[in-house]
Every structure is written in structure tokens, then in C-alpha cells.
Amino acid sequence: GLDAAIAKLGGMFDESAVKSVKATFVAIITGDSPSTCLINLKDGSGSYKKLDSAEEGTALKPNVQFTVTEENFVKMLGGKMNATQAFMTGKLKVKGDMGAAMKFDALLQKLKAKL
């Protein structure tokens, strides 16, 4: 599920990831148990935080805002779905800096190689 995928995310938070991405992301997860999270790959060695609402995420003015179902977000984090393909097929909505979104996707691909 989502919590297990997020635990794996911890492995990608380090200073080199932050240096290569330099952006903040808000993921608005839709579906049976909607949730919103902030992925900070702009400061220090990065961080992840669950937020109270999608509105709170939008108010943080992230560089990129993703809207995606929980199932597809888990697939992306686990390297089972390419974010670019998900975007092209309408499974992932991206608002904001497309360059940063592509760096995040590249980081997920690199993470997949480590799992």
C-alpha cells in the first residue's frame, strides 16, 4: 500500500537527490482513501510529510503538484509505472514545473535500480 511505498521513498532522500532535483512536490492522492503529501527535495537531505488536505498542499505553492490515484502513485514509487507514461496516458496530472517533474521521475527510475 501507500505507507509501504512511502517507506521506500525514504531511501531516495539524501543531499545528492536534493541537489539534483531542487524542488518541492505535493501529491494529491485520489481514490478510496484520499490523502495529500509534501515531498521536499529542495532543502537539506529532503523530507516527506503527510498533509491535512489538498488545500493545504496547494497553499504551500509547490514547484510541482501531482494528482494521481493511490494505486498508480504506489506503482510509480515502486518503479512499476513510469511517471512520463502515466502523464501521457492521463493517469497522472501534473501542474507546475515540468522540468522538476521529469527530474523526480528520473530519481524514481534510479531508486528502482536500488530496490
PDB file of N, CA and C in Angstrom:
ATOM      1  N   GLY A   1       0.811  -1.197   0.000  1.00  0.00           N
ATOM      2  CA  GLY A   1       0.000   0.000   0.000  1.00  0.00           C
ATOM      3  C   GLY A   1       0.854   1.262   0.000  1.00  0.00           C
ATOM      4  N   LEU A   2       0.181   2.356   0.203  1.00  0.00           N
ATOM      5  CA  LEU A   2       0.825   3.662   0.157  1.00  0.00           C
ATOM      6  C   LEU A   2       1.899   3.806   1.224  1.00  0.00           C
ATOM      7  N   ASP A   3       1.610   3.381   2.456  1.00  0.00           N
ATOM      8  CA  ASP A   3       2.582   3.545   3.542  1.00  0.00           C
ATOM      9  C   ASP A   3       3.887   2.797   3.267  1.00  0.00           C
ATOM     10  N   ALA A   4       3.785   1.584   2.703  1.00  0.00           N
ATOM     11  CA  ALA A   4       4.984   0.812   2.379  1.00  0.00           C
ATOM     12  C   ALA A   4       5.781   1.499   1.273  1.00  0.00           C
ATOM     13  N   ALA A   5       5.075   2.055   0.289  1.00  0.00           N
ATOM     14  CA  ALA A   5       5.746   2.750  -0.814  1.00  0.00           C
ATOM     15  C   ALA A   5       6.460   3.996  -0.296  1.00  0.00           C
ATOM     16  N   ILE A   6       5.813   4.678   0.648  1.00  0.00           N
ATOM     17  CA  ILE A   6       6.404   5.896   1.219  1.00  0.00           C
ATOM     18  C   ILE A   6       7.658   5.533   2.019  1.00  0.00           C
ATOM     19  N   ALA A   7       7.619   4.407   2.712  1.00  0.00           N
ATOM     20  CA  ALA A   7       8.793   3.970   3.482  1.00  0.00           C
ATOM     21  C   ALA A   7       9.983   3.790   2.531  1.00  0.00           C
ATOM     22  N   LYS A   8       9.719   3.245   1.337  1.00  0.00           N
ATOM     23  CA  LYS A   8      10.779   3.071   0.338  1.00  0.00           C
ATOM     24  C   LYS A   8      11.307   4.423  -0.135  1.00  0.00           C
ATOM     25  N   LEU A   9      10.400   5.413  -0.159  1.00  0.00           N
ATOM     26  CA  LEU A   9      10.791   6.754  -0.577  1.00  0.00           C
ATOM     27  C   LEU A   9      11.931   7.295   0.273  1.00  0.00           C
ATOM     28  N   GLY A  10      11.921   6.925   1.548  1.00  0.00           N
ATOM     29  CA  GLY A  10      12.967   7.382   2.461  1.00  0.00           C
ATOM     30  C   GLY A  10      14.358   7.114   1.916  1.00  0.00           C
ATOM     31  N   GLY A  11      14.507   6.040   1.159  1.00  0.00           N
ATOM     32  CA  GLY A  11      15.782   5.670   0.581  1.00  0.00           C
ATOM     33  C   GLY A  11      16.275   6.638  -0.485  1.00  0.00           C
ATOM     34  N   MET A  12      15.383   7.465  -1.008  1.00  0.00           N
ATOM     35  CA  MET A  12      15.822   8.389  -2.045  1.00  0.00           C
ATOM     36  C   MET A  12      16.130   9.772  -1.500  1.00  0.00           C
ATOM     37  N   PHE A  13      15.868   9.982  -0.221  1.00  0.00           N
ATOM     38  CA  PHE A  13      16.141  11.287   0.362  1.00  0.00           C
ATOM     39  C   PHE A  13      17.570  11.367   0.841  1.00  0.00           C
ATOM     40  N   ASP A  14      18.385  12.085   0.116  1.00  0.00           N
ATOM     41  CA  ASP A  14      19.735  12.385   0.574  1.00  0.00           C
ATOM     42  C   ASP A  14      20.159  13.682  -0.102  1.00  0.00           C
ATOM     43  N   GLU A  15      21.296  14.208   0.301  1.00  0.00           N
ATOM     44  CA  GLU A  15      21.704  15.508  -0.209  1.00  0.00           C
ATOM     45  C   GLU A  15      21.926  15.504  -1.720  1.00  0.00           C
ATOM     46  N   SER A  16      22.386  14.372  -2.284  1.00  0.00           N
ATOM     47  CA  SER A  16      22.613  14.348  -3.730  1.00  0.00           C
ATOM     48  C   SER A  16      21.273  14.389  -4.481  1.00  0.00           C
ATOM     49  N   ALA A  17      20.242  13.739  -3.926  1.00  0.00           N
ATOM     50  CA  ALA A  17      18.906  13.785  -4.547  1.00  0.00           C
ATOM     51  C   ALA A  17      18.388  15.222  -4.519  1.00  0.00           C
ATOM     52  N   VAL A  18      18.584  15.889  -3.387  1.00  0.00           N
ATOM     53  CA  VAL A  18      18.133  17.275  -3.244  1.00  0.00           C
ATOM     54  C   VAL A  18      18.876  18.169  -4.245  1.00  0.00           C
ATOM     55  N   LYS A  19      20.187  17.967  -4.367  1.00  0.00           N
ATOM     56  CA  LYS A  19      20.974  18.782  -5.309  1.00  0.00           C
ATOM     57  C   LYS A  19      20.535  18.567  -6.748  1.00  0.00           C
ATOM     58  N   SER A  20      20.149  17.339  -7.086  1.00  0.00           N
ATOM     59  CA  SER A  20      19.770  17.069  -8.476  1.00  0.00           C
ATOM     60  C   SER A  20      18.346  17.522  -8.801  1.00  0.00           C
ATOM     61  N   VAL A  21      17.459  17.591  -7.805  1.00  0.00           N
ATOM     62  CA  VAL A  21      16.062  17.928  -8.079  1.00  0.00           C
ATOM     63  C   VAL A  21      15.730  19.378  -7.726  1.00  0.00           C
ATOM     64  N   LYS A  22      16.117  19.826  -6.519  1.00  0.00           N
ATOM     65  CA  LYS A  22      15.881  21.201  -6.053  1.00  0.00           C
ATOM     66  C   LYS A  22      14.443  21.684  -6.265  1.00  0.00           C
ATOM     67  N   ALA A  23      13.477  20.919  -5.748  1.00  0.00           N
ATOM     68  CA  ALA A  23      12.076  21.306  -5.913  1.00  0.00           C
ATOM     69  C   ALA A  23      11.218  20.681  -4.819  1.00  0.00           C
ATOM     70  N   THR A  24      10.032  21.249  -4.629  1.00  0.00           N
ATOM     71  CA  THR A  24       9.049  20.668  -3.710  1.00  0.00           C
ATOM     72  C   THR A  24       7.877  20.140  -4.542  1.00  0.00           C
ATOM     73  N   PHE A  25       7.306  19.041  -4.048  1.00  0.00           N
ATOM     74  CA  PHE A  25       6.210  18.379  -4.745  1.00  0.00           C
ATOM     75  C   PHE A  25       5.066  18.144  -3.767  1.00  0.00           C
ATOM     76  N   VAL A  26       3.845  18.361  -4.228  1.00  0.00           N
ATOM     77  CA  VAL A  26       2.681  17.963  -3.453  1.00  0.00           C
ATOM     78  C   VAL A  26       1.971  16.908  -4.280  1.00  0.00           C
ATOM     79  N   ALA A  27       1.721  15.759  -3.650  1.00  0.00           N
ATOM     80  CA  ALA A  27       0.979  14.682  -4.307  1.00  0.00           C
ATOM     81  C   ALA A  27      -0.415  14.642  -3.716  1.00  0.00           C
ATOM     82  N   ILE A  28      -1.409  14.845  -4.553  1.00  0.00           N
ATOM     83  CA  ILE A  28      -2.804  14.742  -4.130  1.00  0.00           C
ATOM     84  C   ILE A  28      -3.267  13.364  -4.581  1.00  0.00           C
ATOM     85  N   ILE A  29      -3.456  12.495  -3.597  1.00  0.00           N
ATOM     86  CA  ILE A  29      -3.805  11.100  -3.857  1.00  0.00           C
ATOM     87  C   ILE A  29      -5.325  10.968  -3.836  1.00  0.00           C
ATOM     88  N   THR A  30      -5.877  10.453  -4.929  1.00  0.00           N
ATOM     89  CA  THR A  30      -7.325  10.287  -5.023  1.00  0.00           C
ATOM     90  C   THR A  30      -7.671   8.807  -4.876  1.00  0.00           C
ATOM     91  N   GLY A  31      -8.951   8.510  -4.700  1.00  0.00           N
ATOM     92  CA  GLY A  31      -9.386   7.118  -4.600  1.00  0.00           C
ATOM     93  C   GLY A  31     -10.093   6.850  -3.288  1.00  0.00           C
ATOM     94  N   ASP A  32     -10.039   5.586  -2.838  1.00  0.00           N
ATOM     95  CA  ASP A  32     -10.786   5.160  -1.650  1.00  0.00           C
ATOM     96  C   ASP A  32     -10.357   5.880  -0.381  1.00  0.00           C
ATOM     97  N   SER A  33      -9.046   6.104  -0.214  1.00  0.00           N
ATOM     98  CA  SER A  33      -8.586   6.828   0.979  1.00  0.00           C
ATOM     99  C   SER A  33      -7.714   7.998   0.530  1.00  0.00           C
ATOM    100  N   PRO A  34      -8.371   9.094   0.124  1.00  0.00           N
ATOM    101  CA  PRO A  34      -7.627  10.234  -0.392  1.00  0.00           C
ATOM    102  C   PRO A  34      -6.687  10.829   0.657  1.00  0.00           C
ATOM    103  N   SER A  35      -5.552  11.287   0.193  1.00  0.00           N
ATOM    104  CA  SER A  35      -4.616  11.942   1.103  1.00  0.00           C
ATOM    105  C   SER A  35      -3.734  12.888   0.299  1.00  0.00           C
ATOM    106  N   THR A  36      -2.995  13.699   0.994  1.00  0.00           N
ATOM    107  CA  THR A  36      -2.101  14.659   0.354  1.00  0.00           C
ATOM    108  C   THR A  36      -0.772  14.611   1.080  1.00  0.00           C
ATOM    109  N   CYS A  37       0.310  14.680   0.337  1.00  0.00           N
ATOM    110  CA  CYS A  37       1.608  14.688   0.994  1.00  0.00           C
ATOM    111  C   CYS A  37       2.549  15.681   0.322  1.00  0.00           C
ATOM    112  N   LEU A  38       3.497  16.161   1.096  1.00  0.00           N
ATOM    113  CA  LEU A  38       4.525  17.074   0.618  1.00  0.00           C
ATOM    114  C   LEU A  38       5.834  16.306   0.541  1.00  0.00           C
ATOM    115  N   ILE A  39       6.479  16.360  -0.602  1.00  0.00           N
ATOM    116  CA  ILE A  39       7.801  15.760  -0.772  1.00  0.00           C
ATOM    117  C   ILE A  39       8.752  16.923  -1.014  1.00  0.00           C
ATOM    118  N   ASN A  40       9.623  17.162  -0.056  1.00  0.00           N
ATOM    119  CA  ASN A  40      10.544  18.295  -0.140  1.00  0.00           C
ATOM    120  C   ASN A  40      11.911  17.791  -0.592  1.00  0.00           C
ATOM    121  N   LEU A  41      12.255  18.088  -1.826  1.00  0.00           N
ATOM    122  CA  LEU A  41      13.579  17.748  -2.341  1.00  0.00           C
ATOM    123  C   LEU A  41      14.284  19.049  -2.716  1.00  0.00           C
ATOM    124  N   LYS A  42      14.125  20.048  -1.824  1.00  0.00           N
ATOM    125  CA  LYS A  42      14.703  21.366  -2.063  1.00  0.00           C
ATOM    126  C   LYS A  42      15.715  21.724  -0.976  1.00  0.00           C
ATOM    127  N   ASP A  43      15.478  21.230   0.261  1.00  0.00           N
ATOM    128  CA  ASP A  43      16.288  21.632   1.410  1.00  0.00           C
ATOM    129  C   ASP A  43      16.952  20.449   2.097  1.00  0.00           C
ATOM    130  N   GLY A  44      18.162  20.681   2.607  1.00  0.00           N
ATOM    131  CA  GLY A  44      18.854  19.692   3.432  1.00  0.00           C
ATOM    132  C   GLY A  44      18.999  18.366   2.731  1.00  0.00           C
ATOM    133  N   SER A  45      18.529  17.295   3.399  1.00  0.00           N
ATOM    134  CA  SER A  45      18.599  15.976   2.774  1.00  0.00           C
ATOM    135  C   SER A  45      17.213  15.471   2.403  1.00  0.00           C
ATOM    136  N   GLY A  46      16.256  16.402   2.262  1.00  0.00           N
ATOM    137  CA  GLY A  46      14.918  16.045   1.805  1.00  0.00           C
ATOM    138  C   GLY A  46      14.019  15.548   2.920  1.00  0.00           C
ATOM    139  N   SER A  47      12.710  15.620   2.682  1.00  0.00           N
ATOM    140  CA  SER A  47      11.758  15.146   3.688  1.00  0.00           C
ATOM    141  C   SER A  47      10.421  14.830   3.035  1.00  0.00           C
ATOM    142  N   TYR A  48       9.607  14.122   3.807  1.00  0.00           N
ATOM    143  CA  TYR A  48       8.270  13.726   3.368  1.00  0.00           C
ATOM    144  C   TYR A  48       7.319  14.005   4.518  1.00  0.00           C
ATOM    145  N   LYS A  49       6.160  14.563   4.222  1.00  0.00           N
ATOM    146  CA  LYS A  49       5.209  14.869   5.284  1.00  0.00           C
ATOM    147  C   LYS A  49       3.794  14.710   4.757  1.00  0.00           C
ATOM    148  N   LYS A  50       2.943  14.044   5.546  1.00  0.00           N
ATOM    149  CA  LYS A  50       1.531  13.936   5.188  1.00  0.00           C
ATOM    150  C   LYS A  50       0.843  15.247   5.572  1.00  0.00           C
ATOM    151  N   LEU A  51      -0.017  15.744   4.725  1.00  0.00           N
ATOM    152  CA  LEU A  51      -0.720  16.993   4.983  1.00  0.00           C
ATOM    153  C   LEU A  51      -2.179  16.717   5.308  1.00  0.00           C
ATOM    154  N   ASP A  52      -2.842  17.728   5.866  1.00  0.00           N
ATOM    155  CA  ASP A  52      -4.242  17.549   6.268  1.00  0.00           C
ATOM    156  C   ASP A  52      -5.214  17.601   5.098  1.00  0.00           C
ATOM    157  N   SER A  53      -4.865  18.355   4.045  1.00  0.00           N
ATOM    158  CA  SER A  53      -5.820  18.497   2.941  1.00  0.00           C
ATOM    159  C   SER A  53      -5.110  18.905   1.659  1.00  0.00           C
ATOM    160  N   ALA A  54      -5.813  18.717   0.549  1.00  0.00           N
ATOM    161  CA  ALA A  54      -5.288  19.148  -0.750  1.00  0.00           C
ATOM    162  C   ALA A  54      -5.106  20.660  -0.750  1.00  0.00           C
ATOM    163  N   GLU A  55      -6.013  21.374  -0.064  1.00  0.00           N
ATOM    164  CA  GLU A  55      -5.923  22.834   0.003  1.00  0.00           C
ATOM    165  C   GLU A  55      -4.634  23.266   0.697  1.00  0.00           C
ATOM    166  N   GLU A  56      -4.271  22.542   1.771  1.00  0.00           N
ATOM    167  CA  GLU A  56      -3.023  22.850   2.475  1.00  0.00           C
ATOM    168  C   GLU A  56      -1.838  22.656   1.527  1.00  0.00           C
ATOM    169  N   GLY A  57      -1.880  21.603   0.717  1.00  0.00           N
ATOM    170  CA  GLY A  57      -0.813  21.337  -0.244  1.00  0.00           C
ATOM    171  C   GLY A  57      -0.694  22.445  -1.274  1.00  0.00           C
ATOM    172  N   THR A  58      -1.832  22.890  -1.803  1.00  0.00           N
ATOM    173  CA  THR A  58      -1.838  23.957  -2.803  1.00  0.00           C
ATOM    174  C   THR A  58      -1.326  25.265  -2.192  1.00  0.00           C
ATOM    175  N   ALA A  59      -1.699  25.529  -0.944  1.00  0.00           N
ATOM    176  CA  ALA A  59      -1.292  26.757  -0.256  1.00  0.00           C
ATOM    177  C   ALA A  59       0.225  26.835  -0.075  1.00  0.00           C
ATOM    178  N   LEU A  60       0.903  25.676  -0.054  1.00  0.00           N
ATOM    179  CA  LEU A  60       2.363  25.652   0.109  1.00  0.00           C
ATOM    180  C   LEU A  60       3.094  26.070  -1.173  1.00  0.00           C
ATOM    181  N   LYS A  61       2.328  26.265  -2.257  1.00  0.00           N
ATOM    182  CA  LYS A  61       2.895  26.658  -3.548  1.00  0.00           C
ATOM    183  C   LYS A  61       4.099  25.788  -3.962  1.00  0.00           C
ATOM    184  N   PRO A  62       3.859  24.490  -4.095  1.00  0.00           N
ATOM    185  CA  PRO A  62       4.960  23.600  -4.503  1.00  0.00           C
ATOM    186  C   PRO A  62       5.398  23.903  -5.932  1.00  0.00           C
ATOM    187  N   ASN A  63       6.606  23.479  -6.280  1.00  0.00           N
ATOM    188  CA  ASN A  63       7.064  23.622  -7.667  1.00  0.00           C
ATOM    189  C   ASN A  63       6.211  22.762  -8.592  1.00  0.00           C
ATOM    190  N   VAL A  64       5.798  21.588  -8.070  1.00  0.00           N
ATOM    191  CA  VAL A  64       5.008  20.652  -8.868  1.00  0.00           C
ATOM    192  C   VAL A  64       3.894  20.069  -8.004  1.00  0.00           C
ATOM    193  N   GLN A  65       2.710  19.974  -8.598  1.00  0.00           N
ATOM    194  CA  GLN A  65       1.592  19.318  -7.912  1.00  0.00           C
ATOM    195  C   GLN A  65       1.144  18.149  -8.780  1.00  0.00           C
ATOM    196  N   PHE A  66       1.170  16.945  -8.177  1.00  0.00           N
ATOM    197  CA  PHE A  66       0.710  15.741  -8.863  1.00  0.00           C
ATOM    198  C   PHE A  66      -0.692  15.413  -8.369  1.00  0.00           C
ATOM    199  N   THR A  67      -1.551  14.963  -9.244  1.00  0.00           N
ATOM    200  CA  THR A  67      -2.841  14.396  -8.842  1.00  0.00           C
ATOM    201  C   THR A  67      -2.878  13.004  -9.462  1.00  0.00           C
ATOM    202  N   VAL A  68      -3.056  11.989  -8.599  1.00  0.00           N
ATOM    203  CA  VAL A  68      -2.931  10.612  -9.057  1.00  0.00           C
ATOM    204  C   VAL A  68      -3.687   9.695  -8.097  1.00  0.00           C
ATOM    205  N   THR A  69      -4.172   8.552  -8.590  1.00  0.00           N
ATOM    206  CA  THR A  69      -4.830   7.596  -7.696  1.00  0.00           C
ATOM    207  C   THR A  69      -3.773   6.943  -6.806  1.00  0.00           C
ATOM    208  N   GLU A  70      -4.209   6.455  -5.659  1.00  0.00           N
ATOM    209  CA  GLU A  70      -3.280   5.784  -4.739  1.00  0.00           C
ATOM    210  C   GLU A  70      -2.600   4.604  -5.435  1.00  0.00           C
ATOM    211  N   GLU A  71      -3.387   3.824  -6.162  1.00  0.00           N
ATOM    212  CA  GLU A  71      -2.850   2.639  -6.851  1.00  0.00           C
ATOM    213  C   GLU A  71      -1.721   3.027  -7.820  1.00  0.00           C
ATOM    214  N   ASN A  72      -1.951   4.074  -8.614  1.00  0.00           N
ATOM    215  CA  ASN A  72      -0.942   4.479  -9.594  1.00  0.00           C
ATOM    216  C   ASN A  72       0.263   5.146  -8.942  1.00  0.00           C
ATOM    217  N   PHE A  73       0.048   5.883  -7.833  1.00  0.00           N
ATOM    218  CA  PHE A  73       1.160   6.509  -7.125  1.00  0.00           C
ATOM    219  C   PHE A  73       2.080   5.434  -6.542  1.00  0.00           C
ATOM    220  N   VAL A  74       1.476   4.404  -5.980  1.00  0.00           N
ATOM    221  CA  VAL A  74       2.253   3.284  -5.428  1.00  0.00           C
ATOM    222  C   VAL A  74       3.058   2.607  -6.549  1.00  0.00           C
ATOM    223  N   LYS A  75       2.419   2.418  -7.704  1.00  0.00           N
ATOM    224  CA  LYS A  75       3.133   1.814  -8.849  1.00  0.00           C
ATOM    225  C   LYS A  75       4.307   2.693  -9.274  1.00  0.00           C
ATOM    226  N   MET A  76       4.096   4.013  -9.304  1.00  0.00           N
ATOM    227  CA  MET A  76       5.174   4.930  -9.684  1.00  0.00           C
ATOM    228  C   MET A  76       6.326   4.867  -8.689  1.00  0.00           C
ATOM    229  N   LEU A  77       5.998   4.922  -7.402  1.00  0.00           N
ATOM    230  CA  LEU A  77       7.039   4.904  -6.374  1.00  0.00           C
ATOM    231  C   LEU A  77       7.798   3.588  -6.386  1.00  0.00           C
ATOM    232  N   GLY A  78       7.100   2.513  -6.743  1.00  0.00           N
ATOM    233  CA  GLY A  78       7.728   1.198  -6.777  1.00  0.00           C
ATOM    234  C   GLY A  78       8.437   0.905  -8.089  1.00  0.00           C
ATOM    235  N   GLY A  79       8.402   1.872  -9.012  1.00  0.00           N
ATOM    236  CA  GLY A  79       9.076   1.684 -10.285  1.00  0.00           C
ATOM    237  C   GLY A  79       8.318   0.796 -11.259  1.00  0.00           C
ATOM    238  N   LYS A  80       7.046   0.504 -10.949  1.00  0.00           N
ATOM    239  CA  LYS A  80       6.256  -0.356 -11.831  1.00  0.00           C
ATOM    240  C   LYS A  80       5.519   0.456 -12.900  1.00  0.00           C
ATOM    241  N   MET A  81       5.521   1.785 -12.721  1.00  0.00           N
ATOM    242  CA  MET A  81       4.878   2.653 -13.702  1.00  0.00           C
ATOM    243  C   MET A  81       5.763   3.873 -13.900  1.00  0.00           C
ATOM    244  N   ASN A  82       6.050   4.171 -15.145  1.00  0.00           N
ATOM    245  CA  ASN A  82       6.852   5.332 -15.490  1.00  0.00           C
ATOM    246  C   ASN A  82       5.962   6.572 -15.397  1.00  0.00           C
ATOM    247  N   ALA A  83       6.414   7.589 -14.670  1.00  0.00           N
ATOM    248  CA  ALA A  83       5.606   8.798 -14.470  1.00  0.00           C
ATOM    249  C   ALA A  83       5.306   9.503 -15.793  1.00  0.00           C
ATOM    250  N   THR A  84       6.263   9.495 -16.707  1.00  0.00           N
ATOM    251  CA  THR A  84       6.050  10.148 -18.000  1.00  0.00           C
ATOM    252  C   THR A  84       4.934   9.440 -18.764  1.00  0.00           C
ATOM    253  N   GLN A  85       4.962   8.099 -18.769  1.00  0.00           N
ATOM    254  CA  GLN A  85       3.900   7.336 -19.442  1.00  0.00           C
ATOM    255  C   GLN A  85       2.558   7.567 -18.747  1.00  0.00           C
ATOM    256  N   ALA A  86       2.577   7.615 -17.412  1.00  0.00           N
ATOM    257  CA  ALA A  86       1.344   7.847 -16.660  1.00  0.00           C
ATOM    258  C   ALA A  86       0.744   9.203 -17.038  1.00  0.00           C
ATOM    259  N   PHE A  87       1.605  10.206 -17.190  1.00  0.00           N
ATOM    260  CA  PHE A  87       1.161  11.548 -17.583  1.00  0.00           C
ATOM    261  C   PHE A  87       0.565  11.520 -18.995  1.00  0.00           C
ATOM    262  N   MET A  88       1.274  10.865 -19.910  1.00  0.00           N
ATOM    263  CA  MET A  88       0.832  10.816 -21.312  1.00  0.00           C
ATOM    264  C   MET A  88      -0.498  10.081 -21.477  1.00  0.00           C
ATOM    265  N   THR A  89      -0.765   9.132 -20.588  1.00  0.00           N
ATOM    266  CA  THR A  89      -1.998   8.350 -20.700  1.00  0.00           C
ATOM    267  C   THR A  89      -3.101   8.876 -19.770  1.00  0.00           C
ATOM    268  N   GLY A  90      -2.857  10.026 -19.138  1.00  0.00           N
ATOM    269  CA  GLY A  90      -3.887  10.652 -18.311  1.00  0.00           C
ATOM    270  C   GLY A  90      -4.032  10.070 -16.913  1.00  0.00           C
ATOM    271  N   LYS A  91      -3.134   9.166 -16.510  1.00  0.00           N
ATOM    272  CA  LYS A  91      -3.213   8.562 -15.174  1.00  0.00           C
ATOM    273  C   LYS A  91      -2.578   9.455 -14.113  1.00  0.00           C
ATOM    274  N   LEU A  92      -1.829  10.451 -14.564  1.00  0.00           N
ATOM    275  CA  LEU A  92      -1.136  11.374 -13.662  1.00  0.00           C
ATOM    276  C   LEU A  92      -1.332  12.780 -14.202  1.00  0.00           C
ATOM    277  N   LYS A  93      -1.847  13.662 -13.328  1.00  0.00           N
ATOM    278  CA  LYS A  93      -1.972  15.069 -13.724  1.00  0.00           C
ATOM    279  C   LYS A  93      -0.828  15.828 -13.065  1.00  0.00           C
ATOM    280  N   VAL A  94      -0.182  16.687 -13.831  1.00  0.00           N
ATOM    281  CA  VAL A  94       0.956  17.448 -13.334  1.00  0.00           C
ATOM    282  C   VAL A  94       0.688  18.924 -13.558  1.00  0.00           C
ATOM    283  N   LYS A  95       0.853  19.710 -12.477  1.00  0.00           N
ATOM    284  CA  LYS A  95       0.680  21.144 -12.558  1.00  0.00           C
ATOM    285  C   LYS A  95       1.976  21.771 -12.066  1.00  0.00           C
ATOM    286  N   GLY A  96       2.534  22.713 -12.815  1.00  0.00           N
ATOM    287  CA  GLY A  96       3.748  23.383 -12.355  1.00  0.00           C
ATOM    288  C   GLY A  96       4.936  23.122 -13.256  1.00  0.00           C
ATOM    289  N   ASP A  97       6.099  23.002 -12.644  1.00  0.00           N
ATOM    290  CA  ASP A  97       7.380  22.917 -13.340  1.00  0.00           C
ATOM    291  C   ASP A  97       7.602  21.520 -13.926  1.00  0.00           C
ATOM    292  N   MET A  98       7.425  21.397 -15.236  1.00  0.00           N
ATOM    293  CA  MET A  98       7.578  20.082 -15.881  1.00  0.00           C
ATOM    294  C   MET A  98       9.011  19.571 -15.794  1.00  0.00           C
ATOM    295  N   GLY A  99       9.984  20.479 -15.831  1.00  0.00           N
ATOM    296  CA  GLY A  99      11.391  20.079 -15.705  1.00  0.00           C
ATOM    297  C   GLY A  99      11.645  19.394 -14.374  1.00  0.00           C
ATOM    298  N   ALA A 100      11.097  19.972 -13.299  1.00  0.00           N
ATOM    299  CA  ALA A 100      11.248  19.378 -11.968  1.00  0.00           C
ATOM    300  C   ALA A 100      10.527  18.040 -11.894  1.00  0.00           C
ATOM    301  N   ALA A 101       9.364  17.949 -12.530  1.00  0.00           N
ATOM    302  CA  ALA A 101       8.609  16.689 -12.541  1.00  0.00           C
ATOM    303  C   ALA A 101       9.429  15.598 -13.224  1.00  0.00           C
ATOM    304  N   MET A 102      10.123  15.959 -14.296  1.00  0.00           N
ATOM    305  CA  MET A 102      10.935  14.978 -15.019  1.00  0.00           C
ATOM    306  C   MET A 102      12.158  14.557 -14.195  1.00  0.00           C
ATOM    307  N   LYS A 103      12.715  15.492 -13.410  1.00  0.00           N
ATOM    308  CA  LYS A 103      13.839  15.140 -12.530  1.00  0.00           C
ATOM    309  C   LYS A 103      13.368  14.161 -11.447  1.00  0.00           C
ATOM    310  N   PHE A 104      12.141  14.381 -10.945  1.00  0.00           N
ATOM    311  CA  PHE A 104      11.576  13.485  -9.929  1.00  0.00           C
ATOM    312  C   PHE A 104      11.395  12.085 -10.529  1.00  0.00           C
ATOM    313  N   ASP A 105      10.889  12.020 -11.758  1.00  0.00           N
ATOM    314  CA  ASP A 105      10.711  10.742 -12.448  1.00  0.00           C
ATOM    315  C   ASP A 105      12.064  10.046 -12.622  1.00  0.00           C
ATOM    316  N   ALA A 106      13.094  10.814 -13.010  1.00  0.00           N
ATOM    317  CA  ALA A 106      14.434  10.240 -13.186  1.00  0.00           C
ATOM    318  C   ALA A 106      14.949   9.678 -11.860  1.00  0.00           C
ATOM    319  N   LEU A 107      14.649  10.385 -10.766  1.00  0.00           N
ATOM    320  CA  LEU A 107      15.059   9.923  -9.437  1.00  0.00           C
ATOM    321  C   LEU A 107      14.342   8.618  -9.079  1.00  0.00           C
ATOM    322  N   LEU A 108      13.053   8.530  -9.415  1.00  0.00           N
ATOM    323  CA  LEU A 108      12.291   7.287  -9.158  1.00  0.00           C
ATOM    324  C   LEU A 108      12.894   6.136  -9.960  1.00  0.00           C
ATOM    325  N   GLN A 109      13.301   6.400 -11.203  1.00  0.00           N
ATOM    326  CA  GLN A 109      13.896   5.357 -12.037  1.00  0.00           C
ATOM    327  C   GLN A 109      15.213   4.874 -11.424  1.00  0.00           C
ATOM    328  N   LYS A 110      15.995   5.812 -10.886  1.00  0.00           N
ATOM    329  CA  LYS A 110      17.257   5.471 -10.237  1.00  0.00           C
ATOM    330  C   LYS A 110      17.003   4.652  -8.968  1.00  0.00           C
ATOM    331  N   LEU A 111      15.958   5.058  -8.225  1.00  0.00           N
ATOM    332  CA  LEU A 111      15.589   4.369  -6.992  1.00  0.00           C
ATOM    333  C   LEU A 111      15.199   2.918  -7.295  1.00  0.00           C
ATOM    334  N   LYS A 112      14.466   2.734  -8.400  1.00  0.00           N
ATOM    335  CA  LYS A 112      14.006   1.411  -8.803  1.00  0.00           C
ATOM    336  C   LYS A 112      15.211   0.462  -8.954  1.00  0.00           C
ATOM    337  N   ALA A 113      16.305   0.992  -9.476  1.00  0.00           N
ATOM    338  CA  ALA A 113      17.507   0.185  -9.695  1.00  0.00           C
ATOM    339  C   ALA A 113      18.102  -0.292  -8.359  1.00  0.00           C
ATOM    340  N   LYS A 114      17.843   0.468  -7.286  1.00  0.00           N
ATOM    341  CA  LYS A 114      18.387   0.111  -5.977  1.00  0.00           C
ATOM    342  C   LYS A 114      17.537  -0.920  -5.223  1.00  0.00           C
ATOM    343  N   LEU A 115      16.261  -1.037  -5.595  1.00  0.00           N
ATOM    344  CA  LEU A 115      15.349  -1.908  -4.837  1.00  0.00           C
ATOM    345  C   LEU A 115      15.570  -3.380  -5.145  1.00  0.00           C
TER     346      LEU A 115
END
